PDB file of N, CA and C in Angstrom:
ATOM      1  N   MET A   1      11.537 -30.141  52.900  1.00  0.00           N
ATOM      2  CA  MET A   1      12.704 -29.576  52.257  1.00  0.00           C
ATOM      3  C   MET A   1      13.243 -30.611  51.252  1.00  0.00           C
ATOM      4  N   LYS A   2      13.524 -30.154  50.034  1.00  0.00           N
ATOM      5  CA  LYS A   2      14.038 -31.034  48.995  1.00  0.00           C
ATOM      6  C   LYS A   2      15.558 -31.200  49.098  1.00  0.00           C
ATOM      7  N   LYS A   3      16.050 -32.360  48.658  1.00  0.00           N
ATOM      8  CA  LYS A   3      17.489 -32.540  48.503  1.00  0.00           C
ATOM      9  C   LYS A   3      17.938 -31.753  47.307  1.00  0.00           C
ATOM     10  N   PHE A   4      19.206 -31.283  47.301  1.00  0.00           N
ATOM     11  CA  PHE A   4      19.710 -30.476  46.200  1.00  0.00           C
ATOM     12  C   PHE A   4      19.569 -31.224  44.869  1.00  0.00           C
ATOM     13  N   GLY A   5      19.836 -32.509  44.856  1.00  0.00           N
ATOM     14  CA  GLY A   5      19.723 -33.288  43.636  1.00  0.00           C
ATOM     15  C   GLY A   5      18.327 -33.273  43.023  1.00  0.00           C
ATOM     16  N   ASP A   6      17.306 -33.078  43.861  1.00  0.00           N
ATOM     17  CA  ASP A   6      15.924 -33.017  43.381  1.00  0.00           C
ATOM     18  C   ASP A   6      15.648 -31.735  42.623  1.00  0.00           C
ATOM     19  N   LEU A   7      16.545 -30.780  42.724  1.00  0.00           N
ATOM     20  CA  LEU A   7      16.363 -29.472  42.040  1.00  0.00           C
ATOM     21  C   LEU A   7      16.973 -29.442  40.646  1.00  0.00           C
ATOM     22  N   ILE A   8      17.648 -30.534  40.264  1.00  0.00           N
ATOM     23  CA  ILE A   8      18.298 -30.590  38.956  1.00  0.00           C
ATOM     24  C   ILE A   8      17.374 -31.280  37.965  1.00  0.00           C
ATOM     25  N   TYR A   9      17.060 -30.606  36.868  1.00  0.00           N
ATOM     26  CA  TYR A   9      16.179 -31.154  35.847  1.00  0.00           C
ATOM     27  C   TYR A   9      16.952 -32.026  34.850  1.00  0.00           C
ATOM     28  N   THR A  10      16.301 -33.038  34.368  1.00  0.00           N
ATOM     29  CA  THR A  10      16.795 -33.845  33.256  1.00  0.00           C
ATOM     30  C   THR A  10      15.635 -33.975  32.271  1.00  0.00           C
ATOM     31  N   PRO A  11      15.932 -34.327  31.028  1.00  0.00           N
ATOM     32  CA  PRO A  11      14.810 -34.516  30.088  1.00  0.00           C
ATOM     33  C   PRO A  11      13.824 -35.613  30.547  1.00  0.00           C
ATOM     34  N   GLU A  12      14.337 -36.579  31.330  1.00  0.00           N
ATOM     35  CA  GLU A  12      13.467 -37.662  31.837  1.00  0.00           C
ATOM     36  C   GLU A  12      12.695 -37.275  33.086  1.00  0.00           C
ATOM     37  N   GLN A  13      13.221 -36.301  33.842  1.00  0.00           N
ATOM     38  CA  GLN A  13      12.635 -35.934  35.118  1.00  0.00           C
ATOM     39  C   GLN A  13      12.499 -34.417  35.246  1.00  0.00           C
ATOM     40  N   ALA A  14      11.648 -33.859  34.452  1.00  0.00           N
ATOM     41  CA  ALA A  14      11.368 -32.419  34.560  1.00  0.00           C
ATOM     42  C   ALA A  14       9.852 -32.250  34.762  1.00  0.00           C
ATOM     43  N   PRO A  15       9.470 -31.406  35.671  1.00  0.00           N
ATOM     44  CA  PRO A  15       8.029 -31.188  35.871  1.00  0.00           C
ATOM     45  C   PRO A  15       7.399 -30.658  34.561  1.00  0.00           C
ATOM     46  N   GLN A  16       6.125 -30.865  34.426  1.00  0.00           N
ATOM     47  CA  GLN A  16       5.404 -30.475  33.215  1.00  0.00           C
ATOM     48  C   GLN A  16       5.624 -29.004  32.857  1.00  0.00           C
ATOM     49  N   GLU A  17       5.711 -28.144  33.840  1.00  0.00           N
ATOM     50  CA  GLU A  17       5.826 -26.702  33.557  1.00  0.00           C
ATOM     51  C   GLU A  17       7.193 -26.317  32.955  1.00  0.00           C
ATOM     52  N   VAL A  18       8.209 -27.195  33.072  1.00  0.00           N
ATOM     53  CA  VAL A  18       9.527 -26.861  32.486  1.00  0.00           C
ATOM     54  C   VAL A  18       9.964 -27.831  31.401  1.00  0.00           C
ATOM     55  N   ILE A  19       9.211 -28.905  31.180  1.00  0.00           N
ATOM     56  CA  ILE A  19       9.642 -29.914  30.208  1.00  0.00           C
ATOM     57  C   ILE A  19       9.851 -29.302  28.820  1.00  0.00           C
ATOM     58  N   SER A  20       9.113 -28.268  28.462  1.00  0.00           N
ATOM     59  CA  SER A  20       9.276 -27.617  27.168  1.00  0.00           C
ATOM     60  C   SER A  20      10.620 -26.915  27.047  1.00  0.00           C
ATOM     61  N   LYS A  21      11.318 -26.706  28.156  1.00  0.00           N
ATOM     62  CA  LYS A  21      12.617 -26.045  28.160  1.00  0.00           C
ATOM     63  C   LYS A  21      13.764 -27.030  27.998  1.00  0.00           C
ATOM     64  N   ALA A  22      13.494 -28.347  28.041  1.00  0.00           N
ATOM     65  CA  ALA A  22      14.549 -29.335  28.009  1.00  0.00           C
ATOM     66  C   ALA A  22      15.469 -29.238  26.805  1.00  0.00           C
ATOM     67  N   GLU A  23      14.926 -29.022  25.629  1.00  0.00           N
ATOM     68  CA  GLU A  23      15.752 -28.977  24.408  1.00  0.00           C
ATOM     69  C   GLU A  23      16.765 -27.841  24.429  1.00  0.00           C
ATOM     70  N   THR A  24      16.395 -26.710  24.969  1.00  0.00           N
ATOM     71  CA  THR A  24      17.270 -25.527  24.934  1.00  0.00           C
ATOM     72  C   THR A  24      18.098 -25.358  26.207  1.00  0.00           C
ATOM     73  N   HIS A  25      17.915 -26.225  27.207  1.00  0.00           N
ATOM     74  CA  HIS A  25      18.634 -26.086  28.457  1.00  0.00           C
ATOM     75  C   HIS A  25      19.470 -27.289  28.864  1.00  0.00           C
ATOM     76  N   THR A  26      19.176 -28.457  28.352  1.00  0.00           N
ATOM     77  CA  THR A  26      19.924 -29.661  28.694  1.00  0.00           C
ATOM     78  C   THR A  26      21.284 -29.614  27.997  1.00  0.00           C
ATOM     79  N   PRO A  27      22.368 -29.794  28.745  1.00  0.00           N
ATOM     80  CA  PRO A  27      23.706 -29.788  28.103  1.00  0.00           C
ATOM     81  C   PRO A  27      23.833 -30.941  27.099  1.00  0.00           C
ATOM     82  N   LYS A  28      24.448 -30.645  25.991  1.00  0.00           N
ATOM     83  CA  LYS A  28      24.729 -31.680  24.971  1.00  0.00           C
ATOM     84  C   LYS A  28      26.201 -32.058  25.137  1.00  0.00           C
ATOM     85  N   ILE A  29      26.457 -33.345  25.248  1.00  0.00           N
ATOM     86  CA  ILE A  29      27.816 -33.844  25.443  1.00  0.00           C
ATOM     87  C   ILE A  29      28.263 -34.547  24.160  1.00  0.00           C
ATOM     88  N   GLU A  30      29.365 -34.081  23.608  1.00  0.00           N
ATOM     89  CA  GLU A  30      29.978 -34.717  22.440  1.00  0.00           C
ATOM     90  C   GLU A  30      31.308 -35.312  22.884  1.00  0.00           C
ATOM     91  N   ALA A  31      31.386 -36.636  22.874  1.00  0.00           N
ATOM     92  CA  ALA A  31      32.608 -37.341  23.267  1.00  0.00           C
ATOM     93  C   ALA A  31      32.571 -38.720  22.620  1.00  0.00           C
ATOM     94  N   PRO A  32      33.747 -39.333  22.442  1.00  0.00           N
ATOM     95  CA  PRO A  32      33.743 -40.694  21.879  1.00  0.00           C
ATOM     96  C   PRO A  32      33.083 -41.650  22.841  1.00  0.00           C
ATOM     97  N   ASP A  33      32.502 -42.709  22.292  1.00  0.00           N
ATOM     98  CA  ASP A  33      31.887 -43.743  23.119  1.00  0.00           C
ATOM     99  C   ASP A  33      32.943 -44.612  23.794  1.00  0.00           C
ATOM    100  N   THR A  34      34.061 -44.796  23.107  1.00  0.00           N
ATOM    101  CA  THR A  34      35.164 -45.650  23.575  1.00  0.00           C
ATOM    102  C   THR A  34      36.456 -44.886  23.476  1.00  0.00           C
ATOM    103  N   VAL A  35      37.300 -44.979  24.501  1.00  0.00           N
ATOM    104  CA  VAL A  35      38.612 -44.329  24.525  1.00  0.00           C
ATOM    105  C   VAL A  35      39.667 -45.328  24.973  1.00  0.00           C
ATOM    106  N   LYS A  36      40.930 -44.982  24.772  1.00  0.00           N
ATOM    107  CA  LYS A  36      42.031 -45.827  25.256  1.00  0.00           C
ATOM    108  C   LYS A  36      42.495 -45.302  26.588  1.00  0.00           C
ATOM    109  N   ALA A  37      42.777 -46.200  27.512  1.00  0.00           N
ATOM    110  CA  ALA A  37      43.207 -45.817  28.850  1.00  0.00           C
ATOM    111  C   ALA A  37      44.424 -44.899  28.804  1.00  0.00           C
ATOM    112  N   GLY A  38      44.326 -43.772  29.498  1.00  0.00           N
ATOM    113  CA  GLY A  38      45.449 -42.845  29.621  1.00  0.00           C
ATOM    114  C   GLY A  38      45.709 -41.937  28.404  1.00  0.00           C
ATOM    115  N   GLU A  39      44.919 -42.099  27.347  1.00  0.00           N
ATOM    116  CA  GLU A  39      45.126 -41.242  26.151  1.00  0.00           C
ATOM    117  C   GLU A  39      44.121 -40.082  26.201  1.00  0.00           C
ATOM    118  N   PRO A  40      44.585 -38.861  25.851  1.00  0.00           N
ATOM    119  CA  PRO A  40      43.693 -37.708  25.891  1.00  0.00           C
ATOM    120  C   PRO A  40      42.588 -37.795  24.833  1.00  0.00           C
ATOM    121  N   PHE A  41      41.424 -37.277  25.225  1.00  0.00           N
ATOM    122  CA  PHE A  41      40.290 -37.171  24.282  1.00  0.00           C
ATOM    123  C   PHE A  41      39.512 -35.913  24.649  1.00  0.00           C
ATOM    124  N   GLU A  42      38.827 -35.358  23.656  1.00  0.00           N
ATOM    125  CA  GLU A  42      38.065 -34.141  23.851  1.00  0.00           C
ATOM    126  C   GLU A  42      36.613 -34.416  24.179  1.00  0.00           C
ATOM    127  N   VAL A  43      36.087 -33.573  25.081  1.00  0.00           N
ATOM    128  CA  VAL A  43      34.675 -33.599  25.421  1.00  0.00           C
ATOM    129  C   VAL A  43      34.165 -32.187  25.192  1.00  0.00           C
ATOM    130  N   LYS A  44      33.192 -32.078  24.303  1.00  0.00           N
ATOM    131  CA  LYS A  44      32.571 -30.778  24.037  1.00  0.00           C
ATOM    132  C   LYS A  44      31.200 -30.757  24.691  1.00  0.00           C
ATOM    133  N   VAL A  45      30.909 -29.687  25.422  1.00  0.00           N
ATOM    134  CA  VAL A  45      29.598 -29.545  26.069  1.00  0.00           C
ATOM    135  C   VAL A  45      29.035 -28.197  25.624  1.00  0.00           C
ATOM    136  N   SER A  46      27.768 -28.217  25.207  1.00  0.00           N
ATOM    137  CA  SER A  46      27.116 -26.984  24.774  1.00  0.00           C
ATOM    138  C   SER A  46      25.668 -26.993  25.241  1.00  0.00           C
ATOM    139  N   VAL A  47      25.078 -25.810  25.274  1.00  0.00           N
ATOM    140  CA  VAL A  47      23.682 -25.633  25.616  1.00  0.00           C
ATOM    141  C   VAL A  47      23.054 -24.784  24.554  1.00  0.00           C
ATOM    142  N   GLY A  48      21.862 -25.173  24.118  1.00  0.00           N
ATOM    143  CA  GLY A  48      21.168 -24.316  23.204  1.00  0.00           C
ATOM    144  C   GLY A  48      20.712 -24.988  21.938  1.00  0.00           C
ATOM    145  N   PRO A  49      20.184 -24.134  21.065  1.00  0.00           N
ATOM    146  CA  PRO A  49      20.309 -22.667  21.048  1.00  0.00           C
ATOM    147  C   PRO A  49      19.589 -22.031  22.220  1.00  0.00           C
ATOM    148  N   HIS A  50      20.218 -21.037  22.819  1.00  0.00           N
ATOM    149  CA  HIS A  50      19.681 -20.349  23.984  1.00  0.00           C
ATOM    150  C   HIS A  50      20.018 -18.862  23.877  1.00  0.00           C
ATOM    151  N   VAL A  51      19.082 -18.025  24.294  1.00  0.00           N
ATOM    152  CA  VAL A  51      19.372 -16.581  24.277  1.00  0.00           C
ATOM    153  C   VAL A  51      20.434 -16.304  25.321  1.00  0.00           C
ATOM    154  N   MET A  52      21.213 -15.266  25.058  1.00  0.00           N
ATOM    155  CA  MET A  52      22.248 -14.838  25.989  1.00  0.00           C
ATOM    156  C   MET A  52      22.124 -13.333  26.150  1.00  0.00           C
ATOM    157  N   GLU A  53      21.212 -12.924  27.047  1.00  0.00           N
ATOM    158  CA  GLU A  53      20.997 -11.527  27.302  1.00  0.00           C
ATOM    159  C   GLU A  53      20.911 -11.312  28.814  1.00  0.00           C
ATOM    160  N   PRO A  54      21.117 -10.120  29.332  1.00  0.00           N
ATOM    161  CA  PRO A  54      21.204  -9.910  30.771  1.00  0.00           C
ATOM    162  C   PRO A  54      20.023 -10.481  31.578  1.00  0.00           C
ATOM    163  N   GLN A  55      18.859 -10.506  31.022  1.00  0.00           N
ATOM    164  CA  GLN A  55      17.707 -10.993  31.791  1.00  0.00           C
ATOM    165  C   GLN A  55      17.466 -12.499  31.646  1.00  0.00           C
ATOM    166  N   HIS A  56      18.208 -13.175  30.728  1.00  0.00           N
ATOM    167  CA  HIS A  56      18.012 -14.605  30.512  1.00  0.00           C
ATOM    168  C   HIS A  56      19.259 -15.164  29.825  1.00  0.00           C
ATOM    169  N   TYR A  57      19.999 -16.041  30.541  1.00  0.00           N
ATOM    170  CA  TYR A  57      21.259 -16.538  29.988  1.00  0.00           C
ATOM    171  C   TYR A  57      21.671 -17.844  30.675  1.00  0.00           C
ATOM    172  N   ILE A  58      22.601 -18.541  30.022  1.00  0.00           N
ATOM    173  CA  ILE A  58      23.271 -19.704  30.613  1.00  0.00           C
ATOM    174  C   ILE A  58      24.508 -19.164  31.309  1.00  0.00           C
ATOM    175  N   GLY A  59      24.600 -19.331  32.610  1.00  0.00           N
ATOM    176  CA  GLY A  59      25.691 -18.773  33.385  1.00  0.00           C
ATOM    177  C   GLY A  59      26.943 -19.621  33.399  1.00  0.00           C
ATOM    178  N   TRP A  60      26.755 -20.963  33.408  1.00  0.00           N
ATOM    179  CA  TRP A  60      27.925 -21.853  33.460  1.00  0.00           C
ATOM    180  C   TRP A  60      27.549 -23.287  33.094  1.00  0.00           C
ATOM    181  N   ILE A  61      28.600 -24.044  32.811  1.00  0.00           N
ATOM    182  CA  ILE A  61      28.526 -25.498  32.612  1.00  0.00           C
ATOM    183  C   ILE A  61      29.600 -26.105  33.473  1.00  0.00           C
ATOM    184  N   GLU A  62      29.257 -27.167  34.211  1.00  0.00           N
ATOM    185  CA  GLU A  62      30.260 -27.948  34.951  1.00  0.00           C
ATOM    186  C   GLU A  62      30.275 -29.369  34.406  1.00  0.00           C
ATOM    187  N   LEU A  63      31.470 -29.983  34.449  1.00  0.00           N
ATOM    188  CA  LEU A  63      31.635 -31.346  33.963  1.00  0.00           C
ATOM    189  C   LEU A  63      32.233 -32.198  35.052  1.00  0.00           C
ATOM    190  N   TYR A  64      31.656 -33.412  35.270  1.00  0.00           N
ATOM    191  CA  TYR A  64      32.104 -34.345  36.265  1.00  0.00           C
ATOM    192  C   TYR A  64      32.306 -35.721  35.607  1.00  0.00           C
ATOM    193  N   TYR A  65      33.139 -36.545  36.215  1.00  0.00           N
ATOM    194  CA  TYR A  65      33.346 -37.914  35.736  1.00  0.00           C
ATOM    195  C   TYR A  65      33.128 -38.875  36.906  1.00  0.00           C
ATOM    196  N   TYR A  66      32.239 -39.825  36.709  1.00  0.00           N
ATOM    197  CA  TYR A  66      31.985 -40.898  37.661  1.00  0.00           C
ATOM    198  C   TYR A  66      32.754 -42.109  37.188  1.00  0.00           C
ATOM    199  N   GLU A  67      33.848 -42.432  37.888  1.00  0.00           N
ATOM    200  CA  GLU A  67      34.732 -43.518  37.500  1.00  0.00           C
ATOM    201  C   GLU A  67      34.351 -44.839  38.138  1.00  0.00           C
ATOM    202  N   GLU A  68      34.159 -45.872  37.325  1.00  0.00           N
ATOM    203  CA  GLU A  68      33.796 -47.201  37.835  1.00  0.00           C
ATOM    204  C   GLU A  68      34.839 -47.665  38.858  1.00  0.00           C
ATOM    205  N   GLY A  69      34.353 -48.190  39.982  1.00  0.00           N
ATOM    206  CA  GLY A  69      35.261 -48.754  40.990  1.00  0.00           C
ATOM    207  C   GLY A  69      35.897 -47.759  41.943  1.00  0.00           C
ATOM    208  N   ARG A  70      35.694 -46.494  41.721  1.00  0.00           N
ATOM    209  CA  ARG A  70      36.305 -45.462  42.595  1.00  0.00           C
ATOM    210  C   ARG A  70      35.432 -45.319  43.832  1.00  0.00           C
ATOM    211  N   GLN A  71      36.052 -45.201  45.003  1.00  0.00           N
ATOM    212  CA  GLN A  71      35.319 -45.122  46.237  1.00  0.00           C
ATOM    213  C   GLN A  71      34.527 -43.825  46.331  1.00  0.00           C
ATOM    214  N   TYR A  72      35.128 -42.701  45.968  1.00  0.00           N
ATOM    215  CA  TYR A  72      34.455 -41.407  46.098  1.00  0.00           C
ATOM    216  C   TYR A  72      34.244 -40.810  44.722  1.00  0.00           C
ATOM    217  N   ASN A  73      33.008 -40.608  44.364  1.00  0.00           N
ATOM    218  CA  ASN A  73      32.617 -40.088  43.060  1.00  0.00           C
ATOM    219  C   ASN A  73      31.591 -39.003  43.235  1.00  0.00           C
ATOM    220  N   PRO A  74      31.409 -38.129  42.290  1.00  0.00           N
ATOM    221  CA  PRO A  74      32.116 -37.988  41.024  1.00  0.00           C
ATOM    222  C   PRO A  74      33.387 -37.132  41.188  1.00  0.00           C
ATOM    223  N   ILE A  75      34.187 -37.127  40.141  1.00  0.00           N
ATOM    224  CA  ILE A  75      35.395 -36.313  40.069  1.00  0.00           C
ATOM    225  C   ILE A  75      35.042 -35.034  39.328  1.00  0.00           C
ATOM    226  N   PHE A  76      35.362 -33.883  39.910  1.00  0.00           N
ATOM    227  CA  PHE A  76      35.135 -32.593  39.232  1.00  0.00           C
ATOM    228  C   PHE A  76      36.162 -32.464  38.119  1.00  0.00           C
ATOM    229  N   VAL A  77      35.706 -32.247  36.885  1.00  0.00           N
ATOM    230  CA  VAL A  77      36.590 -32.089  35.745  1.00  0.00           C
ATOM    231  C   VAL A  77      36.900 -30.632  35.473  1.00  0.00           C
ATOM    232  N   GLY A  78      35.835 -29.799  35.411  1.00  0.00           N
ATOM    233  CA  GLY A  78      36.049 -28.386  35.151  1.00  0.00           C
ATOM    234  C   GLY A  78      34.744 -27.619  35.018  1.00  0.00           C
ATOM    235  N   LYS A  79      34.924 -26.322  34.878  1.00  0.00           N
ATOM    236  CA  LYS A  79      33.761 -25.412  34.806  1.00  0.00           C
ATOM    237  C   LYS A  79      34.070 -24.307  33.775  1.00  0.00           C
ATOM    238  N   ALA A  80      33.063 -23.952  33.002  1.00  0.00           N
ATOM    239  CA  ALA A  80      33.161 -22.822  32.083  1.00  0.00           C
ATOM    240  C   ALA A  80      32.053 -21.857  32.435  1.00  0.00           C
ATOM    241  N   GLU A  81      32.431 -20.583  32.586  1.00  0.00           N
ATOM    242  CA  GLU A  81      31.474 -19.522  32.903  1.00  0.00           C
ATOM    243  C   GLU A  81      31.258 -18.663  31.681  1.00  0.00           C
ATOM    244  N   PHE A  82      30.031 -18.117  31.534  1.00  0.00           N
ATOM    245  CA  PHE A  82      29.678 -17.376  30.321  1.00  0.00           C
ATOM    246  C   PHE A  82      29.095 -16.023  30.660  1.00  0.00           C
ATOM    247  N   SER A  83      29.351 -15.084  29.765  1.00  0.00           N
ATOM    248  CA  SER A  83      28.706 -13.756  29.843  1.00  0.00           C
ATOM    249  C   SER A  83      27.677 -13.694  28.738  1.00  0.00           C
ATOM    250  N   THR A  84      26.944 -12.637  28.672  1.00  0.00           N
ATOM    251  CA  THR A  84      25.943 -12.489  27.632  1.00  0.00           C
ATOM    252  C   THR A  84      26.566 -12.256  26.275  1.00  0.00           C
ATOM    253  N   TYR A  85      27.890 -12.151  26.213  1.00  0.00           N
ATOM    254  CA  TYR A  85      28.577 -11.959  24.935  1.00  0.00           C
ATOM    255  C   TYR A  85      29.135 -13.257  24.367  1.00  0.00           C
ATOM    256  N   THR A  86      28.910 -14.361  25.081  1.00  0.00           N
ATOM    257  CA  THR A  86      29.502 -15.630  24.655  1.00  0.00           C
ATOM    258  C   THR A  86      28.429 -16.670  24.355  1.00  0.00           C
ATOM    259  N   GLU A  87      28.832 -17.698  23.649  1.00  0.00           N
ATOM    260  CA  GLU A  87      27.974 -18.860  23.432  1.00  0.00           C
ATOM    261  C   GLU A  87      28.269 -19.864  24.524  1.00  0.00           C
ATOM    262  N   PRO A  88      27.265 -20.532  25.055  1.00  0.00           N
ATOM    263  CA  PRO A  88      27.498 -21.510  26.125  1.00  0.00           C
ATOM    264  C   PRO A  88      28.043 -22.833  25.571  1.00  0.00           C
ATOM    265  N   LYS A  89      29.346 -22.803  25.293  1.00  0.00           N
ATOM    266  CA  LYS A  89      30.051 -23.968  24.774  1.00  0.00           C
ATOM    267  C   LYS A  89      31.394 -24.065  25.439  1.00  0.00           C
ATOM    268  N   ALA A  90      31.837 -25.298  25.720  1.00  0.00           N
ATOM    269  CA  ALA A  90      33.140 -25.506  26.354  1.00  0.00           C
ATOM    270  C   ALA A  90      33.737 -26.802  25.845  1.00  0.00           C
ATOM    271  N   THR A  91      35.078 -26.862  25.809  1.00  0.00           N
ATOM    272  CA  THR A  91      35.791 -28.073  25.431  1.00  0.00           C
ATOM    273  C   THR A  91      36.749 -28.421  26.550  1.00  0.00           C
ATOM    274  N   PHE A  92      36.718 -29.686  26.946  1.00  0.00           N
ATOM    275  CA  PHE A  92      37.601 -30.202  28.004  1.00  0.00           C
ATOM    276  C   PHE A  92      38.416 -31.347  27.406  1.00  0.00           C
ATOM    277  N   THR A  93      39.679 -31.470  27.813  1.00  0.00           N
ATOM    278  CA  THR A  93      40.509 -32.591  27.367  1.00  0.00           C
ATOM    279  C   THR A  93      40.739 -33.474  28.581  1.00  0.00           C
ATOM    280  N   LEU A  94      40.344 -34.740  28.470  1.00  0.00           N
ATOM    281  CA  LEU A  94      40.439 -35.680  29.580  1.00  0.00           C
ATOM    282  C   LEU A  94      41.354 -36.833  29.244  1.00  0.00           C
ATOM    283  N   LYS A  95      41.900 -37.430  30.293  1.00  0.00           N
ATOM    284  CA  LYS A  95      42.599 -38.718  30.232  1.00  0.00           C
ATOM    285  C   LYS A  95      42.041 -39.547  31.380  1.00  0.00           C
ATOM    286  N   VAL A  96      41.427 -40.674  31.056  1.00  0.00           N
ATOM    287  CA  VAL A  96      40.866 -41.512  32.099  1.00  0.00           C
ATOM    288  C   VAL A  96      41.483 -42.924  32.005  1.00  0.00           C
ATOM    289  N   GLN A  97      41.448 -43.628  33.117  1.00  0.00           N
ATOM    290  CA  GLN A  97      41.995 -44.973  33.179  1.00  0.00           C
ATOM    291  C   GLN A  97      40.915 -46.037  33.173  1.00  0.00           C
ATOM    292  N   LYS A  98      39.734 -45.662  33.658  1.00  0.00           N
ATOM    293  CA  LYS A  98      38.670 -46.637  33.806  1.00  0.00           C
ATOM    294  C   LYS A  98      37.381 -46.105  33.173  1.00  0.00           C
ATOM    295  N   SER A  99      36.513 -47.015  32.754  1.00  0.00           N
ATOM    296  CA  SER A  99      35.204 -46.642  32.224  1.00  0.00           C
ATOM    297  C   SER A  99      34.410 -45.875  33.252  1.00  0.00           C
ATOM    298  N   GLY A 100      33.438 -45.098  32.771  1.00  0.00           N
ATOM    299  CA  GLY A 100      32.607 -44.347  33.686  1.00  0.00           C
ATOM    300  C   GLY A 100      31.549 -43.543  32.942  1.00  0.00           C
ATOM    301  N   VAL A 101      31.065 -42.520  33.629  1.00  0.00           N
ATOM    302  CA  VAL A 101      29.989 -41.693  33.087  1.00  0.00           C
ATOM    303  C   VAL A 101      30.371 -40.220  33.244  1.00  0.00           C
ATOM    304  N   LEU A 102      30.236 -39.462  32.130  1.00  0.00           N
ATOM    305  CA  LEU A 102      30.371 -38.016  32.177  1.00  0.00           C
ATOM    306  C   LEU A 102      29.037 -37.406  32.582  1.00  0.00           C
ATOM    307  N   TYR A 103      29.056 -36.444  33.464  1.00  0.00           N
ATOM    308  CA  TYR A 103      27.857 -35.701  33.861  1.00  0.00           C
ATOM    309  C   TYR A 103      28.116 -34.232  33.600  1.00  0.00           C
ATOM    310  N   ALA A 104      27.227 -33.614  32.846  1.00  0.00           N
ATOM    311  CA  ALA A 104      27.305 -32.166  32.607  1.00  0.00           C
ATOM    312  C   ALA A 104      26.122 -31.501  33.263  1.00  0.00           C
ATOM    313  N   ILE A 105      26.375 -30.398  33.955  1.00  0.00           N
ATOM    314  CA  ILE A 105      25.312 -29.620  34.585  1.00  0.00           C
ATOM    315  C   ILE A 105      25.397 -28.207  34.000  1.00  0.00           C
ATOM    316  N   SER A 106      24.266 -27.670  33.611  1.00  0.00           N
ATOM    317  CA  SER A 106      24.229 -26.270  33.141  1.00  0.00           C
ATOM    318  C   SER A 106      23.279 -25.470  34.017  1.00  0.00           C
ATOM    319  N   TYR A 107      23.527 -24.162  34.089  1.00  0.00           N
ATOM    320  CA  TYR A 107      22.694 -23.275  34.922  1.00  0.00           C
ATOM    321  C   TYR A 107      22.121 -22.151  34.084  1.00  0.00           C
ATOM    322  N   CYS A 108      20.801 -22.069  34.056  1.00  0.00           N
ATOM    323  CA  CYS A 108      20.087 -20.952  33.425  1.00  0.00           C
ATOM    324  C   CYS A 108      19.542 -20.071  34.556  1.00  0.00           C
ATOM    325  N   ASN A 109      19.747 -18.775  34.445  1.00  0.00           N
ATOM    326  CA  ASN A 109      19.321 -17.890  35.539  1.00  0.00           C
ATOM    327  C   ASN A 109      17.824 -17.865  35.713  1.00  0.00           C
ATOM    328  N   LEU A 110      17.035 -18.248  34.697  1.00  0.00           N
ATOM    329  CA  LEU A 110      15.585 -18.300  34.836  1.00  0.00           C
ATOM    330  C   LEU A 110      15.028 -19.715  35.052  1.00  0.00           C
ATOM    331  N   HIS A 111      15.654 -20.701  34.454  1.00  0.00           N
ATOM    332  CA  HIS A 111      15.077 -22.053  34.423  1.00  0.00           C
ATOM    333  C   HIS A 111      15.881 -23.085  35.181  1.00  0.00           C
ATOM    334  N   GLY A 112      16.834 -22.660  35.982  1.00  0.00           N
ATOM    335  CA  GLY A 112      17.536 -23.537  36.910  1.00  0.00           C
ATOM    336  C   GLY A 112      18.613 -24.415  36.352  1.00  0.00           C
ATOM    337  N   LEU A 113      18.830 -25.550  37.053  1.00  0.00           N
ATOM    338  CA  LEU A 113      19.898 -26.486  36.757  1.00  0.00           C
ATOM    339  C   LEU A 113      19.408 -27.638  35.887  1.00  0.00           C
ATOM    340  N   TRP A 114      20.244 -27.994  34.887  1.00  0.00           N
ATOM    341  CA  TRP A 114      19.894 -29.079  33.955  1.00  0.00           C
ATOM    342  C   TRP A 114      21.073 -30.017  33.837  1.00  0.00           C
ATOM    343  N   GLU A 115      20.781 -31.321  33.759  1.00  0.00           N
ATOM    344  CA  GLU A 115      21.819 -32.350  33.715  1.00  0.00           C
ATOM    345  C   GLU A 115      21.660 -33.206  32.475  1.00  0.00           C
ATOM    346  N   ASN A 116      22.821 -33.678  32.005  1.00  0.00           N
ATOM    347  CA  ASN A 116      22.864 -34.737  30.991  1.00  0.00           C
ATOM    348  C   ASN A 116      24.047 -35.608  31.316  1.00  0.00           C
ATOM    349  N   ARG A 117      24.097 -36.804  30.729  1.00  0.00           N
ATOM    350  CA  ARG A 117      25.174 -37.743  31.008  1.00  0.00           C
ATOM    351  C   ARG A 117      25.504 -38.584  29.779  1.00  0.00           C
ATOM    352  N   LYS A 118      26.737 -39.090  29.757  1.00  0.00           N
ATOM    353  CA  LYS A 118      27.189 -39.925  28.647  1.00  0.00           C
ATOM    354  C   LYS A 118      28.170 -40.958  29.191  1.00  0.00           C
ATOM    355  N   GLU A 119      27.938 -42.226  28.825  1.00  0.00           N
ATOM    356  CA  GLU A 119      28.799 -43.286  29.257  1.00  0.00           C
ATOM    357  C   GLU A 119      30.058 -43.314  28.373  1.00  0.00           C
ATOM    358  N   ILE A 120      31.209 -43.574  29.021  1.00  0.00           N
ATOM    359  CA  ILE A 120      32.482 -43.697  28.306  1.00  0.00           C
ATOM    360  C   ILE A 120      33.086 -45.076  28.668  1.00  0.00           C
ATOM    361  N   LYS A 121      33.412 -45.840  27.662  1.00  0.00           N
ATOM    362  CA  LYS A 121      34.059 -47.139  27.849  1.00  0.00           C
ATOM    363  C   LYS A 121      35.550 -46.982  27.606  1.00  0.00           C
ATOM    364  N   VAL A 122      36.366 -47.614  28.449  1.00  0.00           N
ATOM    365  CA  VAL A 122      37.819 -47.584  28.310  1.00  0.00           C
ATOM    366  C   VAL A 122      38.270 -48.955  27.828  1.00  0.00           C
ATOM    367  N   GLU A 123      39.086 -48.938  26.772  1.00  0.00           N
ATOM    368  CA  GLU A 123      39.632 -50.203  26.239  1.00  0.00           C
ATOM    369  C   GLU A 123      40.943 -50.536  26.919  1.00  0.00           C
TER     370      GLU A 123
END
């Protein structure tokens, strides 16, 4: 039996049969590399281009923050759910105190769970 984490694909760790799907399924994270402690900043997460039709679609994106020095990680930031009438894009506004890593997970009803990450430095 596999651990749940083994079921999440990344561009670096996807089996050969799904590696061709990495470009259209891996969440793209747009955020500044460096932020000021306690000041709001935007994080945009998108998937695609990807078809959005009843038989094949991106159902949701979740965002987490792994904060350096925190005992229990990651912190759930938020979730955006999509219908076949929407584009799989979401914007989150965060305020963090410590450096860490953003983790985005997306779900495709045919091709499973995909992860990406981005480091954030706090000044």
